[in-house]
Protein backbone atom coordinates (compact mmCIF):
# COMPACT_ATOMS: atom_id res chain seq x y z
CA MET A 1 -17.72 -0.49 -9.68
CA THR A 2 -18.35 -4.53 -9.58
CA GLY A 3 -20.32 -6.46 -7.46
CA GLN A 4 -23.79 -5.37 -5.19
CA VAL A 5 -23.16 -2.00 -4.06
CA ARG A 6 -26.12 -1.35 -0.99
CA THR A 7 -26.98 2.31 0.28
CA VAL A 8 -26.58 2.17 4.09
CA ASP A 9 -29.99 1.50 5.10
CA GLY A 10 -29.53 -1.58 2.98
CA ARG A 11 -31.16 -1.19 -0.63
CA VAL A 12 -29.47 -2.31 -3.33
CA ALA A 13 -28.04 0.92 -5.76
CA GLY A 14 -28.87 0.85 -9.30
CA ARG A 15 -26.22 2.07 -12.15
CA ARG A 16 -26.61 5.14 -11.31
CA GLY A 17 -26.39 5.10 -7.47
CA GLN A 18 -23.10 2.94 -7.73
CA ALA A 19 -21.97 5.90 -10.54
CA THR A 20 -22.62 8.52 -7.89
CA ARG A 21 -21.21 6.45 -4.83
CA GLN A 22 -18.03 6.07 -6.82
CA LYS A 23 -17.87 9.67 -7.74
CA LEU A 24 -18.17 10.75 -4.29
CA LEU A 25 -15.33 8.12 -3.51
CA ASP A 26 -13.12 9.90 -6.35
CA CYS A 27 -13.73 13.40 -4.98
CA LEU A 28 -12.76 12.50 -1.48
CA SER A 29 -9.48 11.26 -2.63
CA GLU A 30 -8.57 13.87 -4.33
CA MET A 31 -9.56 16.10 -1.18
CA LEU A 32 -7.36 14.19 0.65
CA SER A 33 -4.27 15.15 -1.57
CA THR A 34 -4.65 18.64 -0.60
CA SER A 35 -6.23 18.74 2.62
CA PRO A 36 -5.81 17.48 6.14
CA TYR A 37 -7.94 14.37 6.81
CA ARG A 38 -9.53 15.68 9.73
CA ASP A 39 -10.58 18.84 7.58
CA VAL A 40 -12.68 17.11 5.53
CA LYS A 41 -15.98 17.72 5.83
CA VAL A 42 -19.47 16.14 4.34
CA ILE A 43 -20.49 19.28 2.89
CA ASP A 44 -17.40 19.72 1.18
CA VAL A 45 -17.17 16.21 -0.51
CA ALA A 46 -20.86 16.55 -1.91
CA ARG A 47 -20.46 19.97 -3.11
CA LYS A 48 -17.32 18.79 -5.48
CA ALA A 49 -19.29 15.75 -6.43
CA GLY A 50 -21.92 18.05 -7.53
CA THR A 51 -24.63 16.79 -5.25
CA SER A 52 -26.15 16.79 -1.57
CA PRO A 53 -24.68 16.08 1.90
CA ALA A 54 -27.89 13.73 1.96
CA THR A 55 -27.29 12.12 -0.95
CA PHE A 56 -23.69 11.16 0.80
CA TYR A 57 -25.30 9.53 3.80
CA GLN A 58 -27.37 7.27 1.81
CA TYR A 59 -23.97 5.40 1.09
CA PHE A 60 -21.50 6.18 4.10
CA PRO A 61 -22.16 6.99 7.36
CA ASP A 62 -19.78 9.88 7.57
CA VAL A 63 -16.07 10.82 6.36
CA GLU A 64 -14.26 8.00 8.07
CA GLY A 65 -16.79 5.48 6.72
CA ALA A 66 -15.79 6.50 3.09
CA VAL A 67 -11.69 6.59 3.46
CA LEU A 68 -12.08 3.48 5.07
CA GLU A 69 -13.83 2.29 1.71
CA ILE A 70 -10.92 4.12 -0.12
CA ALA A 71 -8.76 2.47 1.83
CA GLU A 72 -9.81 -1.36 1.53
CA GLN A 73 -9.88 -0.59 -2.35
CA MET A 74 -6.52 0.23 -2.07
CA ALA A 75 -5.15 -2.73 -0.02
CA ALA A 76 -6.74 -5.24 -2.57
CA GLU A 77 -4.36 -3.69 -5.13
CA GLY A 78 -1.58 -3.58 -2.98
CA ALA A 79 -2.36 -7.57 -2.05
CA GLN A 80 -1.32 -7.50 -5.88
CA LEU A 81 2.25 -6.24 -4.49
CA THR A 82 3.27 -10.05 -3.96
CA MET A 83 2.90 -10.89 -7.76
CA LEU A 84 6.66 -8.89 -7.63
CA VAL A 85 8.28 -11.63 -5.21
CA GLU A 86 5.84 -14.99 -5.74
CA GLY A 87 7.85 -17.52 -8.12
CA ARG A 88 10.77 -14.89 -8.22
CA SER A 89 14.43 -16.45 -8.60
CA TRP A 90 17.16 -14.72 -6.18
CA VAL A 91 19.86 -16.20 -7.29
CA GLY A 92 22.57 -14.39 -9.62
CA LYS A 93 21.63 -11.93 -11.84
CA SER A 94 17.58 -12.95 -11.30
CA GLY A 95 18.12 -11.84 -7.63
CA TRP A 96 19.16 -8.23 -8.45
CA LEU A 97 15.98 -8.17 -10.95
CA ALA A 98 13.86 -8.99 -8.17
CA ALA A 99 15.19 -6.77 -5.62
CA GLU A 100 15.01 -4.00 -8.29
CA GLU A 101 11.48 -4.76 -9.57
CA LEU A 102 10.32 -4.95 -6.30
CA VAL A 103 11.59 -1.75 -4.64
CA GLU A 104 10.26 -0.19 -7.99
CA GLY A 105 6.93 -1.50 -7.57
CA PHE A 106 6.80 -0.32 -3.93
CA LEU A 107 7.43 2.96 -4.39
CA ASP A 108 5.44 3.25 -7.12
CA PHE A 109 2.32 2.05 -5.41
CA TRP A 110 3.05 4.62 -2.20
CA ARG A 111 3.50 7.51 -4.60
CA ARG A 112 0.20 6.45 -6.62
CA ASN A 113 -1.63 6.24 -3.09
CA ASP A 114 0.24 8.44 -0.80
CA ALA A 115 -2.82 10.59 0.50
CA ILE A 116 -4.83 7.49 1.62
CA LEU A 117 -1.66 5.94 3.02
CA ARG A 118 -1.11 8.79 5.17
CA VAL A 119 -4.58 8.53 6.57
CA VAL A 120 -4.35 4.63 6.93
CA ASP A 121 -0.99 4.82 8.91
CA LEU A 122 -2.61 7.79 11.03
CA GLY A 123 -5.39 5.73 11.96
CA ALA A 124 -3.12 2.86 12.59
CA ALA A 125 -0.99 4.77 15.10
CA GLU A 126 -3.51 6.02 16.76
CA GLY A 127 -4.80 2.31 17.19
CA ASP A 128 -7.51 1.56 15.09
CA LYS A 129 -7.86 -1.50 14.47
CA ARG A 130 -9.84 -1.02 11.02
CA PHE A 131 -7.10 1.08 9.66
CA TYR A 132 -4.21 -1.06 11.34
CA LYS A 133 -5.91 -4.56 9.28
CA ILE A 134 -5.63 -2.57 6.21
CA ARG A 135 -2.36 -1.72 6.80
CA MET A 136 -1.07 -5.12 7.84
CA LYS A 137 -3.08 -6.98 4.61
CA ILE A 138 -1.03 -4.60 2.07
CA LEU A 139 2.62 -5.39 3.96
CA ASN A 140 1.47 -9.07 5.04
CA SER A 141 1.36 -10.25 1.28
CA VAL A 142 5.20 -9.18 0.64
CA THR A 143 6.32 -10.46 3.82
CA ASN A 144 4.79 -13.56 3.18
CA SER A 145 6.10 -14.33 0.20
CA LEU A 146 9.58 -12.94 0.87
CA SER A 147 9.76 -15.20 3.75
CA ALA A 148 8.58 -18.19 1.64
CA SER A 149 11.57 -17.28 -0.74
CA MET A 150 13.74 -16.78 1.85
CA GLN A 151 12.77 -20.49 2.92
CA GLU A 152 13.47 -21.85 -0.31
CA LEU A 153 16.76 -20.86 -0.42
CA GLN A 154 17.52 -22.33 2.98
CA GLY A 155 16.41 -25.36 1.53
CA LYS A 156 18.51 -25.52 -1.44
CA GLY A 157 21.78 -24.33 1.01
CA LYS A 158 21.74 -21.23 -0.59
CA LEU A 159 21.49 -19.34 2.93
CA ASP A 160 22.30 -19.62 6.57
CA LYS A 161 19.98 -21.64 8.17
CA ASP A 162 20.42 -19.62 11.38
CA LEU A 163 18.51 -17.05 10.06
CA SER A 164 14.56 -16.16 10.34
CA PRO A 165 13.34 -15.66 7.54
CA ALA A 166 10.15 -14.19 8.80
CA ALA A 167 11.93 -11.66 10.67
CA ILE A 168 14.33 -10.83 7.67
CA ALA A 169 11.13 -10.44 5.49
CA GLY A 170 9.54 -8.24 8.13
CA SER A 171 12.33 -6.04 8.37
CA LEU A 172 12.77 -5.45 4.74
CA VAL A 173 8.94 -4.60 4.38
CA ALA A 174 9.02 -2.23 6.97
CA MET A 175 11.70 -0.23 5.64
CA LEU A 176 10.10 -0.44 2.26
CA ALA A 177 7.42 0.86 3.65
CA ALA A 178 9.25 3.62 5.74
CA VAL A 179 11.27 4.57 2.53
CA ALA A 180 8.11 5.05 0.55
CA SER A 181 6.57 6.83 2.80
CA HIS A 182 9.31 8.98 3.44
CA GLN A 183 10.26 9.59 -0.61
CA LYS A 184 10.22 13.08 -1.01
CA GLY A 185 12.42 13.59 2.77
CA PHE A 186 15.23 12.17 1.24
CA GLN A 187 15.59 15.29 -1.65
CA THR A 188 16.61 17.35 1.98
CA TRP A 189 18.95 15.01 2.48
CA GLY A 190 20.43 15.30 -1.30
CA VAL A 191 19.29 12.15 -2.24
CA LYS A 192 17.98 11.90 -5.85
CA GLN A 193 14.81 9.55 -6.85
CA ALA A 194 17.59 7.95 -9.33
CA GLU A 195 20.16 7.08 -6.20
CA LEU A 196 17.02 6.04 -3.96
CA LYS A 197 16.46 2.77 -5.88
CA PRO A 198 19.46 0.80 -6.78
CA ASN A 199 21.00 1.49 -3.26
CA LEU A 200 17.54 0.54 -1.72
CA ALA A 201 17.29 -2.77 -3.69
CA LEU A 202 20.89 -3.58 -2.91
CA LEU A 203 19.72 -3.48 0.68
CA VAL A 204 16.63 -5.57 -0.46
CA HIS A 205 19.13 -8.50 -1.93
CA LEU A 206 21.63 -8.13 1.00
CA GLY A 207 18.81 -8.99 3.25
CA MET A 208 17.36 -11.68 0.98
CA THR A 209 20.43 -13.43 0.04
CA GLY A 210 23.48 -12.09 2.01
CA LYS A 211 25.21 -11.56 -0.88
CA LYS A 212 26.31 -8.56 -2.89
CA PRO A 213 24.38 -8.48 -6.37
CA THR A 214 25.44 -9.88 -9.57
CA ARG A 215 24.36 -7.09 -12.22
């Protein structure tokens, strides 16, 4: 970990303390992938990390506090999804490539962070503003970049000026998030993973350009 890390009572954690803290977070992340969020207890996390509940409480007020820490780390990574959109051309073959890479990156990010994203979605749905802000931090980075790209296309006369870039970009990102969180469910509909990506990319491209892609 980088930066200054403090214990719950405000003391600066040393190198060993930081390592212990990160191990607790890693163990909690692993447990969230196999157990319902509300079934995870401090004593179980501490035992898995090879330490004690007292040590856990040195760094986190409770399981929820540790989950929020993991979620913040994940959100910081998610903000980098904007790099899949910023500076990309949506004209011609470049537009299809941009759509493909955005879909690939979005689905991959959701797969890698599936467990913590489920907890974030749950907290946001229940009205917890802390989880809602984390979720929006991830989605906003992509939404704002897509909206800016659409505004640029409008400025060049390549997209209907009556369209709302913010509305379309927000709708596309909401669709990506919903599909990404439901990837396993598509198999029950007979949709293979290899089929999902290009068809989702087609929808993104149509939404961004209003045209069929040039491949």
